[in-house]
All heavy atoms as atom14 arrays in JSON, in Angstrom:
{
  "sequence": "GGSTVYADSVKGRFTISRDNAKNTVNLQMNSLKPEDTGVYSCAADAQ",
  "atom14_mask": [
    [1, 1, 1, 1, 0, 0, 0, 0, 0, 0, 0, 0, 0, 0],
    [1, 1, 1, 1, 0, 0, 0, 0, 0, 0, 0, 0, 0, 0],
    [1, 1, 1, 1, 1, 1, 0, 0, 0, 0, 0, 0, 0, 0],
    [1, 1, 1, 1, 1, 1, 1, 0, 0, 0, 0, 0, 0, 0],
    [1, 1, 1, 1, 1, 1, 1, 0, 0, 0, 0, 0, 0, 0],
    [1, 1, 1, 1, 1, 1, 1, 1, 1, 1, 1, 1, 0, 0],
    [1, 1, 1, 1, 1, 0, 0, 0, 0, 0, 0, 0, 0, 0],
    [1, 1, 1, 1, 1, 1, 1, 1, 0, 0, 0, 0, 0, 0],
    [1, 1, 1, 1, 1, 1, 0, 0, 0, 0, 0, 0, 0, 0],
    [1, 1, 1, 1, 1, 1, 1, 0, 0, 0, 0, 0, 0, 0],
    [1, 1, 1, 1, 1, 1, 1, 1, 1, 0, 0, 0, 0, 0],
    [1, 1, 1, 1, 0, 0, 0, 0, 0, 0, 0, 0, 0, 0],
    [1, 1, 1, 1, 1, 1, 1, 1, 1, 1, 1, 0, 0, 0],
    [1, 1, 1, 1, 1, 1, 1, 1, 1, 1, 1, 0, 0, 0],
    [1, 1, 1, 1, 1, 1, 1, 0, 0, 0, 0, 0, 0, 0],
    [1, 1, 1, 1, 1, 1, 1, 1, 0, 0, 0, 0, 0, 0],
    [1, 1, 1, 1, 1, 1, 0, 0, 0, 0, 0, 0, 0, 0],
    [1, 1, 1, 1, 1, 1, 1, 1, 1, 1, 1, 0, 0, 0],
    [1, 1, 1, 1, 1, 1, 1, 1, 0, 0, 0, 0, 0, 0],
    [1, 1, 1, 1, 1, 1, 1, 1, 0, 0, 0, 0, 0, 0],
    [1, 1, 1, 1, 1, 0, 0, 0, 0, 0, 0, 0, 0, 0],
    [1, 1, 1, 1, 1, 1, 1, 1, 1, 0, 0, 0, 0, 0],
    [1, 1, 1, 1, 1, 1, 1, 1, 0, 0, 0, 0, 0, 0],
    [1, 1, 1, 1, 1, 1, 1, 0, 0, 0, 0, 0, 0, 0],
    [1, 1, 1, 1, 1, 1, 1, 0, 0, 0, 0, 0, 0, 0],
    [1, 1, 1, 1, 1, 1, 1, 1, 0, 0, 0, 0, 0, 0],
    [1, 1, 1, 1, 1, 1, 1, 1, 0, 0, 0, 0, 0, 0],
    [1, 1, 1, 1, 1, 1, 1, 1, 1, 0, 0, 0, 0, 0],
    [1, 1, 1, 1, 1, 1, 1, 1, 0, 0, 0, 0, 0, 0],
    [1, 1, 1, 1, 1, 1, 1, 1, 0, 0, 0, 0, 0, 0],
    [1, 1, 1, 1, 1, 1, 0, 0, 0, 0, 0, 0, 0, 0],
    [1, 1, 1, 1, 1, 1, 1, 1, 0, 0, 0, 0, 0, 0],
    [1, 1, 1, 1, 1, 1, 1, 1, 1, 0, 0, 0, 0, 0],
    [1, 1, 1, 1, 1, 1, 1, 0, 0, 0, 0, 0, 0, 0],
    [1, 1, 1, 1, 1, 1, 1, 1, 1, 0, 0, 0, 0, 0],
    [1, 1, 1, 1, 1, 1, 1, 1, 0, 0, 0, 0, 0, 0],
    [1, 1, 1, 1, 1, 1, 1, 0, 0, 0, 0, 0, 0, 0],
    [1, 1, 1, 1, 0, 0, 0, 0, 0, 0, 0, 0, 0, 0],
    [1, 1, 1, 1, 1, 1, 1, 0, 0, 0, 0, 0, 0, 0],
    [1, 1, 1, 1, 1, 1, 1, 1, 1, 1, 1, 1, 0, 0],
    [1, 1, 1, 1, 1, 1, 0, 0, 0, 0, 0, 0, 0, 0],
    [1, 1, 1, 1, 1, 1, 0, 0, 0, 0, 0, 0, 0, 0],
    [1, 1, 1, 1, 1, 0, 0, 0, 0, 0, 0, 0, 0, 0],
    [1, 1, 1, 1, 1, 0, 0, 0, 0, 0, 0, 0, 0, 0],
    [1, 1, 1, 1, 1, 1, 1, 1, 0, 0, 0, 0, 0, 0],
    [1, 1, 1, 1, 1, 0, 0, 0, 0, 0, 0, 0, 0, 0],
    [1, 1, 1, 1, 1, 1, 1, 1, 1, 0, 0, 0, 0, 0]
  ],
  "atom14_positions": [
    [[73.05, 104.97, 78.18], [71.89, 104.38, 77.58], [72.08, 103.93, 76.14], [71.13, 103.51, 75.48], [0.0, 0.0, 0.0], [0.0, 0.0, 0.0], [0.0, 0.0, 0.0], [0.0, 0.0, 0.0], [0.0, 0.0, 0.0], [0.0, 0.0, 0.0], [0.0, 0.0, 0.0], [0.0, 0.0, 0.0], [0.0, 0.0, 0.0], [0.0, 0.0, 0.0]],
    [[73.34, 103.95, 75.69], [73.66, 103.6, 74.32], [73.85, 102.11, 74.1], [73.47, 101.28, 74.92], [0.0, 0.0, 0.0], [0.0, 0.0, 0.0], [0.0, 0.0, 0.0], [0.0, 0.0, 0.0], [0.0, 0.0, 0.0], [0.0, 0.0, 0.0], [0.0, 0.0, 0.0], [0.0, 0.0, 0.0], [0.0, 0.0, 0.0], [0.0, 0.0, 0.0]],
    [[74.48, 101.8, 73.0], [74.69, 100.42, 72.64], [75.66, 99.71, 73.57], [76.48, 100.34, 74.23], [75.18, 100.32, 71.2], [76.43, 100.98, 71.05], [0.0, 0.0, 0.0], [0.0, 0.0, 0.0], [0.0, 0.0, 0.0], [0.0, 0.0, 0.0], [0.0, 0.0, 0.0], [0.0, 0.0, 0.0], [0.0, 0.0, 0.0], [0.0, 0.0, 0.0]],
    [[75.56, 98.39, 73.59], [76.47, 97.57, 74.37], [77.29, 96.69, 73.48], [76.86, 96.37, 72.34], [75.71, 96.7, 75.39], [74.77, 95.87, 74.7], [74.98, 97.59, 76.41], [0.0, 0.0, 0.0], [0.0, 0.0, 0.0], [0.0, 0.0, 0.0], [0.0, 0.0, 0.0], [0.0, 0.0, 0.0], [0.0, 0.0, 0.0], [0.0, 0.0, 0.0]],
    [[78.46, 96.29, 73.93], [79.32, 95.42, 73.16], [80.01, 94.5, 74.15], [80.33, 94.88, 75.27], [80.34, 96.22, 72.32], [81.23, 97.07, 73.23], [81.17, 95.31, 71.48], [0.0, 0.0, 0.0], [0.0, 0.0, 0.0], [0.0, 0.0, 0.0], [0.0, 0.0, 0.0], [0.0, 0.0, 0.0], [0.0, 0.0, 0.0], [0.0, 0.0, 0.0]],
    [[80.2, 93.24, 73.76], [80.76, 92.22, 74.62], [81.87, 91.44, 73.91], [81.82, 91.24, 72.71], [79.66, 91.21, 75.05], [78.58, 91.84, 75.88], [77.43, 92.33, 75.29], [78.7, 91.91, 77.26], [76.41, 92.89, 76.03], [77.69, 92.47, 78.03], [76.56, 92.96, 77.41], [75.56, 93.52, 78.17], [0.0, 0.0, 0.0], [0.0, 0.0, 0.0]],
    [[82.82, 91.02, 74.7], [83.79, 90.06, 74.2], [83.08, 88.75, 73.86], [82.14, 88.35, 74.55], [84.89, 89.84, 75.21], [0.0, 0.0, 0.0], [0.0, 0.0, 0.0], [0.0, 0.0, 0.0], [0.0, 0.0, 0.0], [0.0, 0.0, 0.0], [0.0, 0.0, 0.0], [0.0, 0.0, 0.0], [0.0, 0.0, 0.0], [0.0, 0.0, 0.0]],
    [[83.55, 88.06, 72.84], [82.95, 86.81, 72.46], [82.95, 85.8, 73.61], [82.02, 85.0, 73.76], [83.68, 86.2, 71.24], [83.4, 86.96, 69.96], [82.45, 87.76, 69.91], [84.18, 86.76, 69.0], [0.0, 0.0, 0.0], [0.0, 0.0, 0.0], [0.0, 0.0, 0.0], [0.0, 0.0, 0.0], [0.0, 0.0, 0.0], [0.0, 0.0, 0.0]],
    [[83.97, 85.85, 74.41], [84.13, 84.9, 75.51], [83.1, 85.02, 76.6], [82.89, 84.1, 77.37], [85.53, 85.0, 76.12], [85.75, 86.29, 76.63], [0.0, 0.0, 0.0], [0.0, 0.0, 0.0], [0.0, 0.0, 0.0], [0.0, 0.0, 0.0], [0.0, 0.0, 0.0], [0.0, 0.0, 0.0], [0.0, 0.0, 0.0], [0.0, 0.0, 0.0]],
    [[82.43, 86.2, 76.69], [81.46, 86.41, 77.75], [80.06, 86.65, 77.22], [79.12, 86.73, 78.02], [81.87, 87.59, 78.65], [83.29, 87.38, 79.19], [81.74, 88.93, 77.93], [0.0, 0.0, 0.0], [0.0, 0.0, 0.0], [0.0, 0.0, 0.0], [0.0, 0.0, 0.0], [0.0, 0.0, 0.0], [0.0, 0.0, 0.0], [0.0, 0.0, 0.0]],
    [[79.91, 86.76, 75.92], [78.61, 87.05, 75.33], [77.59, 85.99, 75.74], [77.86, 84.8, 75.68], [78.74, 87.11, 73.81], [77.54, 87.7, 73.1], [77.84, 87.88, 71.62], [79.0, 88.83, 71.38], [79.31, 89.02, 69.94], [0.0, 0.0, 0.0], [0.0, 0.0, 0.0], [0.0, 0.0, 0.0], [0.0, 0.0, 0.0], [0.0, 0.0, 0.0]],
    [[76.43, 86.45, 76.17], [75.39, 85.55, 76.61], [75.47, 85.19, 78.07], [74.53, 84.62, 78.62], [0.0, 0.0, 0.0], [0.0, 0.0, 0.0], [0.0, 0.0, 0.0], [0.0, 0.0, 0.0], [0.0, 0.0, 0.0], [0.0, 0.0, 0.0], [0.0, 0.0, 0.0], [0.0, 0.0, 0.0], [0.0, 0.0, 0.0], [0.0, 0.0, 0.0]],
    [[76.61, 85.49, 78.72], [76.77, 85.2, 80.16], [76.86, 86.46, 81.01], [76.41, 86.47, 82.14], [78.03, 84.36, 80.35], [78.01, 83.02, 79.65], [79.22, 82.15, 80.06], [80.47, 82.77, 79.67], [81.45, 83.11, 80.53], [81.29, 82.91, 81.83], [82.57, 83.64, 80.1], [0.0, 0.0, 0.0], [0.0, 0.0, 0.0], [0.0, 0.0, 0.0]],
    [[77.45, 87.52, 80.47], [77.64, 88.75, 81.2], [76.71, 89.81, 80.65], [76.43, 89.85, 79.45], [79.08, 89.25, 81.05], [80.13, 88.43, 81.76], [79.84, 87.17, 82.27], [81.43, 88.91, 81.88], [80.81, 86.4, 82.91], [82.4, 88.15, 82.5], [82.12, 86.92, 83.02], [0.0, 0.0, 0.0], [0.0, 0.0, 0.0], [0.0, 0.0, 0.0]],
    [[76.29, 90.73, 81.51], [75.45, 91.85, 81.11], [75.97, 93.13, 81.76], [76.09, 93.19, 83.01], [73.98, 91.63, 81.5], [73.51, 90.4, 80.94], [73.14, 92.79, 80.97], [0.0, 0.0, 0.0], [0.0, 0.0, 0.0], [0.0, 0.0, 0.0], [0.0, 0.0, 0.0], [0.0, 0.0, 0.0], [0.0, 0.0, 0.0], [0.0, 0.0, 0.0]],
    [[76.22, 94.15, 80.96], [76.62, 95.44, 81.49], [75.39, 96.33, 81.55], [74.53, 96.29, 80.65], [77.74, 96.09, 80.64], [78.25, 97.37, 81.3], [77.28, 96.33, 79.22], [79.48, 97.95, 80.6], [0.0, 0.0, 0.0], [0.0, 0.0, 0.0], [0.0, 0.0, 0.0], [0.0, 0.0, 0.0], [0.0, 0.0, 0.0], [0.0, 0.0, 0.0]],
    [[75.29, 97.14, 82.58], [74.17, 98.04, 82.72], [74.58, 99.27, 83.5], [75.62, 99.29, 84.16], [72.99, 97.36, 83.43], [73.36, 96.95, 84.75], [0.0, 0.0, 0.0], [0.0, 0.0, 0.0], [0.0, 0.0, 0.0], [0.0, 0.0, 0.0], [0.0, 0.0, 0.0], [0.0, 0.0, 0.0], [0.0, 0.0, 0.0], [0.0, 0.0, 0.0]],
    [[73.79, 100.32, 83.4], [74.04, 101.56, 84.11], [72.8, 101.9, 84.93], [71.68, 101.67, 84.52], [74.34, 102.71, 83.16], [75.54, 102.55, 82.32], [75.79, 103.78, 81.46], [76.2, 104.94, 82.24], [77.13, 105.82, 81.88], [77.75, 105.67, 80.72], [77.4, 106.84, 82.67], [0.0, 0.0, 0.0], [0.0, 0.0, 0.0], [0.0, 0.0, 0.0]],
    [[73.05, 102.46, 86.1], [71.99, 102.98, 86.95], [72.37, 104.43, 87.24], [73.14, 104.71, 88.14], [71.86, 102.17, 88.24], [70.65, 102.57, 89.05], [70.18, 103.72, 88.92], [70.16, 101.73, 89.81], [0.0, 0.0, 0.0], [0.0, 0.0, 0.0], [0.0, 0.0, 0.0], [0.0, 0.0, 0.0], [0.0, 0.0, 0.0], [0.0, 0.0, 0.0]],
    [[71.83, 105.33, 86.43], [72.18, 106.73, 86.56], [71.76, 107.32, 87.92], [72.44, 108.18, 88.46], [71.57, 107.55, 85.42], [72.22, 107.23, 84.09], [73.35, 106.81, 84.02], [71.47, 107.48, 83.02], [0.0, 0.0, 0.0], [0.0, 0.0, 0.0], [0.0, 0.0, 0.0], [0.0, 0.0, 0.0], [0.0, 0.0, 0.0], [0.0, 0.0, 0.0]],
    [[70.64, 106.84, 88.43], [70.16, 107.35, 89.72], [71.13, 107.02, 90.85], [71.28, 107.81, 91.79], [68.79, 106.78, 90.03], [0.0, 0.0, 0.0], [0.0, 0.0, 0.0], [0.0, 0.0, 0.0], [0.0, 0.0, 0.0], [0.0, 0.0, 0.0], [0.0, 0.0, 0.0], [0.0, 0.0, 0.0], [0.0, 0.0, 0.0], [0.0, 0.0, 0.0]],
    [[71.78, 105.86, 90.77], [72.7, 105.44, 91.8], [74.18, 105.69, 91.42], [75.05, 105.37, 92.18], [72.52, 103.96, 92.11], [71.15, 103.62, 92.68], [71.04, 102.13, 92.99], [69.68, 101.82, 93.59], [69.54, 100.36, 93.89], [0.0, 0.0, 0.0], [0.0, 0.0, 0.0], [0.0, 0.0, 0.0], [0.0, 0.0, 0.0], [0.0, 0.0, 0.0]],
    [[74.38, 106.24, 90.24], [75.75, 106.54, 89.76], [76.62, 105.28, 89.78], [77.73, 105.29, 90.25], [76.37, 107.63, 90.59], [75.62, 108.95, 90.51], [75.23, 109.37, 89.43], [75.42, 109.61, 91.64], [0.0, 0.0, 0.0], [0.0, 0.0, 0.0], [0.0, 0.0, 0.0], [0.0, 0.0, 0.0], [0.0, 0.0, 0.0], [0.0, 0.0, 0.0]],
    [[76.09, 104.21, 89.21], [76.85, 102.97, 89.16], [76.79, 102.36, 87.76], [75.82, 102.56, 87.02], [76.34, 101.91, 90.16], [74.97, 101.61, 89.87], [76.45, 102.42, 91.59], [0.0, 0.0, 0.0], [0.0, 0.0, 0.0], [0.0, 0.0, 0.0], [0.0, 0.0, 0.0], [0.0, 0.0, 0.0], [0.0, 0.0, 0.0], [0.0, 0.0, 0.0]],
    [[77.82, 101.65, 87.42], [77.86, 100.8, 86.25], [78.06, 99.39, 86.75], [78.97, 99.13, 87.54], [78.98, 101.2, 85.29], [79.0, 100.27, 84.06], [78.81, 102.64, 84.85], [0.0, 0.0, 0.0], [0.0, 0.0, 0.0], [0.0, 0.0, 0.0], [0.0, 0.0, 0.0], [0.0, 0.0, 0.0], [0.0, 0.0, 0.0], [0.0, 0.0, 0.0]],
    [[77.24, 98.45, 86.31], [77.25, 97.11, 86.84], [77.64, 96.09, 85.77], [77.46, 96.3, 84.58], [75.87, 96.77, 87.39], [75.37, 97.8, 88.38], [74.28, 98.38, 88.19], [76.12, 98.03, 89.42], [0.0, 0.0, 0.0], [0.0, 0.0, 0.0], [0.0, 0.0, 0.0], [0.0, 0.0, 0.0], [0.0, 0.0, 0.0], [0.0, 0.0, 0.0]],
    [[78.16, 94.99, 86.26], [78.47, 93.86, 85.39], [77.92, 92.61, 86.06], [78.48, 92.12, 87.07], [79.98, 93.73, 85.15], [80.39, 92.64, 84.16], [79.93, 93.01, 82.74], [81.88, 92.4, 84.19], [0.0, 0.0, 0.0], [0.0, 0.0, 0.0], [0.0, 0.0, 0.0], [0.0, 0.0, 0.0], [0.0, 0.0, 0.0], [0.0, 0.0, 0.0]],
    [[76.84, 92.08, 85.55], [76.26, 90.85, 86.03], [76.96, 89.7, 85.31], [76.94, 89.62, 84.07], [74.76, 90.81, 85.77], [74.08, 89.52, 86.23], [74.14, 89.33, 87.72], [73.86, 90.26, 88.48], [74.48, 88.14, 88.15], [0.0, 0.0, 0.0], [0.0, 0.0, 0.0], [0.0, 0.0, 0.0], [0.0, 0.0, 0.0], [0.0, 0.0, 0.0]],
    [[77.54, 88.8, 86.06], [78.32, 87.69, 85.5], [77.67, 86.38, 85.92], [77.63, 86.06, 87.11], [79.77, 87.75, 85.97], [80.45, 89.07, 85.7], [82.21, 89.06, 86.1], [82.15, 88.77, 87.87], [0.0, 0.0, 0.0], [0.0, 0.0, 0.0], [0.0, 0.0, 0.0], [0.0, 0.0, 0.0], [0.0, 0.0, 0.0], [0.0, 0.0, 0.0]],
    [[77.18, 85.65, 84.96], [76.54, 84.37, 85.19], [77.34, 83.24, 84.55], [78.17, 83.47, 83.67], [75.12, 84.36, 84.65], [74.22, 85.4, 85.29], [74.32, 85.67, 86.48], [73.3, 85.95, 84.52], [0.0, 0.0, 0.0], [0.0, 0.0, 0.0], [0.0, 0.0, 0.0], [0.0, 0.0, 0.0], [0.0, 0.0, 0.0], [0.0, 0.0, 0.0]],
    [[77.06, 82.04, 84.98], [77.74, 80.85, 84.42], [79.24, 81.02, 84.39], [79.89, 80.77, 83.36], [77.18, 80.54, 83.02], [75.78, 80.35, 83.05], [0.0, 0.0, 0.0], [0.0, 0.0, 0.0], [0.0, 0.0, 0.0], [0.0, 0.0, 0.0], [0.0, 0.0, 0.0], [0.0, 0.0, 0.0], [0.0, 0.0, 0.0], [0.0, 0.0, 0.0]],
    [[79.79, 81.43, 85.48], [81.22, 81.77, 85.52], [82.08, 80.52, 85.31], [81.72, 79.43, 85.72], [81.56, 82.42, 86.87], [81.13, 83.86, 86.96], [81.11, 84.34, 88.43], [82.08, 84.76, 86.14], [0.0, 0.0, 0.0], [0.0, 0.0, 0.0], [0.0, 0.0, 0.0], [0.0, 0.0, 0.0], [0.0, 0.0, 0.0], [0.0, 0.0, 0.0]],
    [[83.19, 80.75, 84.64], [84.17, 79.72, 84.33], [85.51, 80.06, 84.95], [85.79, 81.22, 85.21], [84.35, 79.6, 82.81], [83.07, 79.37, 82.03], [83.33, 79.42, 80.54], [82.06, 79.22, 79.75], [82.31, 79.28, 78.28], [0.0, 0.0, 0.0], [0.0, 0.0, 0.0], [0.0, 0.0, 0.0], [0.0, 0.0, 0.0], [0.0, 0.0, 0.0]],
    [[86.37, 79.06, 85.2], [87.69, 79.38, 85.74], [88.46, 80.38, 84.88], [89.23, 81.19, 85.4], [88.39, 78.0, 85.74], [87.28, 77.04, 85.93], [86.14, 77.6, 85.15], [0.0, 0.0, 0.0], [0.0, 0.0, 0.0], [0.0, 0.0, 0.0], [0.0, 0.0, 0.0], [0.0, 0.0, 0.0], [0.0, 0.0, 0.0], [0.0, 0.0, 0.0]],
    [[88.23, 80.37, 83.56], [88.9, 81.3, 82.67], [88.47, 82.75, 82.9], [89.11, 83.66, 82.38], [88.59, 80.92, 81.2], [88.88, 79.47, 80.84], [87.66, 78.6, 80.97], [87.41, 78.11, 82.08], [86.97, 78.41, 79.94], [0.0, 0.0, 0.0], [0.0, 0.0, 0.0], [0.0, 0.0, 0.0], [0.0, 0.0, 0.0], [0.0, 0.0, 0.0]],
    [[87.4, 82.96, 83.64], [86.94, 84.31, 83.96], [87.72, 84.93, 85.1], [87.55, 86.11, 85.41], [85.45, 84.32, 84.31], [84.59, 83.91, 83.15], [84.84, 84.35, 82.01], [83.62, 83.16, 83.38], [0.0, 0.0, 0.0], [0.0, 0.0, 0.0], [0.0, 0.0, 0.0], [0.0, 0.0, 0.0], [0.0, 0.0, 0.0], [0.0, 0.0, 0.0]],
    [[88.58, 84.16, 85.75], [89.36, 84.65, 86.87], [90.25, 85.81, 86.46], [90.89, 85.77, 85.43], [90.21, 83.52, 87.46], [89.34, 82.53, 88.05], [91.15, 84.05, 88.55], [0.0, 0.0, 0.0], [0.0, 0.0, 0.0], [0.0, 0.0, 0.0], [0.0, 0.0, 0.0], [0.0, 0.0, 0.0], [0.0, 0.0, 0.0], [0.0, 0.0, 0.0]],
    [[90.3, 86.85, 87.3], [91.13, 87.98, 87.04], [90.72, 89.18, 87.86], [89.77, 89.13, 88.61], [0.0, 0.0, 0.0], [0.0, 0.0, 0.0], [0.0, 0.0, 0.0], [0.0, 0.0, 0.0], [0.0, 0.0, 0.0], [0.0, 0.0, 0.0], [0.0, 0.0, 0.0], [0.0, 0.0, 0.0], [0.0, 0.0, 0.0], [0.0, 0.0, 0.0]],
    [[91.49, 90.22, 87.72], [91.13, 91.51, 88.32], [90.3, 92.28, 87.33], [90.72, 92.57, 86.22], [92.4, 92.31, 88.72], [92.01, 93.67, 89.27], [93.23, 91.55, 89.74], [0.0, 0.0, 0.0], [0.0, 0.0, 0.0], [0.0, 0.0, 0.0], [0.0, 0.0, 0.0], [0.0, 0.0, 0.0], [0.0, 0.0, 0.0], [0.0, 0.0, 0.0]],
    [[89.09, 92.62, 87.76], [88.14, 93.32, 86.92], [88.17, 94.81, 87.23], [88.02, 95.21, 88.39], [86.74, 92.78, 87.11], [86.52, 91.43, 86.4], [87.18, 90.3, 86.84], [85.66, 91.36, 85.31], [86.98, 89.1, 86.19], [85.47, 90.16, 84.67], [86.11, 89.03, 85.1], [85.93, 87.82, 84.46], [0.0, 0.0, 0.0], [0.0, 0.0, 0.0]],
    [[88.36, 95.64, 86.2], [88.4, 97.08, 86.36], [87.36, 97.75, 85.48], [87.13, 97.31, 84.36], [89.79, 97.6, 85.97], [90.8, 97.03, 86.77], [0.0, 0.0, 0.0], [0.0, 0.0, 0.0], [0.0, 0.0, 0.0], [0.0, 0.0, 0.0], [0.0, 0.0, 0.0], [0.0, 0.0, 0.0], [0.0, 0.0, 0.0], [0.0, 0.0, 0.0]],
    [[86.76, 98.79, 86.0], [85.88, 99.61, 85.17], [86.64, 100.82, 84.69], [87.63, 101.23, 85.28], [84.62, 99.99, 85.91], [84.82, 101.02, 87.36], [0.0, 0.0, 0.0], [0.0, 0.0, 0.0], [0.0, 0.0, 0.0], [0.0, 0.0, 0.0], [0.0, 0.0, 0.0], [0.0, 0.0, 0.0], [0.0, 0.0, 0.0], [0.0, 0.0, 0.0]],
    [[86.19, 101.39, 83.59], [86.88, 102.48, 82.96], [85.88, 103.43, 82.31], [84.8, 103.02, 81.91], [87.87, 101.96, 81.9], [0.0, 0.0, 0.0], [0.0, 0.0, 0.0], [0.0, 0.0, 0.0], [0.0, 0.0, 0.0], [0.0, 0.0, 0.0], [0.0, 0.0, 0.0], [0.0, 0.0, 0.0], [0.0, 0.0, 0.0], [0.0, 0.0, 0.0]],
    [[86.28, 104.67, 82.21], [85.46, 105.72, 81.61], [86.22, 106.38, 80.48], [87.41, 106.67, 80.58], [85.04, 106.76, 82.65], [0.0, 0.0, 0.0], [0.0, 0.0, 0.0], [0.0, 0.0, 0.0], [0.0, 0.0, 0.0], [0.0, 0.0, 0.0], [0.0, 0.0, 0.0], [0.0, 0.0, 0.0], [0.0, 0.0, 0.0], [0.0, 0.0, 0.0]],
    [[85.5, 106.64, 79.4], [86.08, 107.28, 78.22], [85.58, 108.73, 78.18], [84.39, 108.97, 78.0], [85.61, 106.52, 76.95], [86.18, 107.1, 75.67], [86.9, 108.11, 75.72], [85.9, 106.52, 74.61], [0.0, 0.0, 0.0], [0.0, 0.0, 0.0], [0.0, 0.0, 0.0], [0.0, 0.0, 0.0], [0.0, 0.0, 0.0], [0.0, 0.0, 0.0]],
    [[86.5, 109.67, 78.33], [86.14, 111.08, 78.4], [86.27, 111.8, 77.04], [86.29, 113.03, 77.01], [87.0, 111.79, 79.42], [0.0, 0.0, 0.0], [0.0, 0.0, 0.0], [0.0, 0.0, 0.0], [0.0, 0.0, 0.0], [0.0, 0.0, 0.0], [0.0, 0.0, 0.0], [0.0, 0.0, 0.0], [0.0, 0.0, 0.0], [0.0, 0.0, 0.0]],
    [[86.33, 111.08, 75.95], [86.39, 111.7, 74.65], [85.18, 112.63, 74.43], [84.06, 112.29, 74.81], [86.42, 110.65, 73.55], [87.7, 109.83, 73.5], [88.82, 110.53, 72.78], [88.77, 111.71, 72.55], [89.87, 109.78, 72.45], [0.0, 0.0, 0.0], [0.0, 0.0, 0.0], [0.0, 0.0, 0.0], [0.0, 0.0, 0.0], [0.0, 0.0, 0.0]]
  ]
}
């Protein structure tokens, strides 16, 4: 539920969100560009 941060290249197009009830983290990607192509991985910080 904390702050969000985005790469400049995706700001305004992508949105990260969490659904604690469903135990998911989502990435909504709009206005996709060929430069967005790649393998997308999610990660958790256990600090």
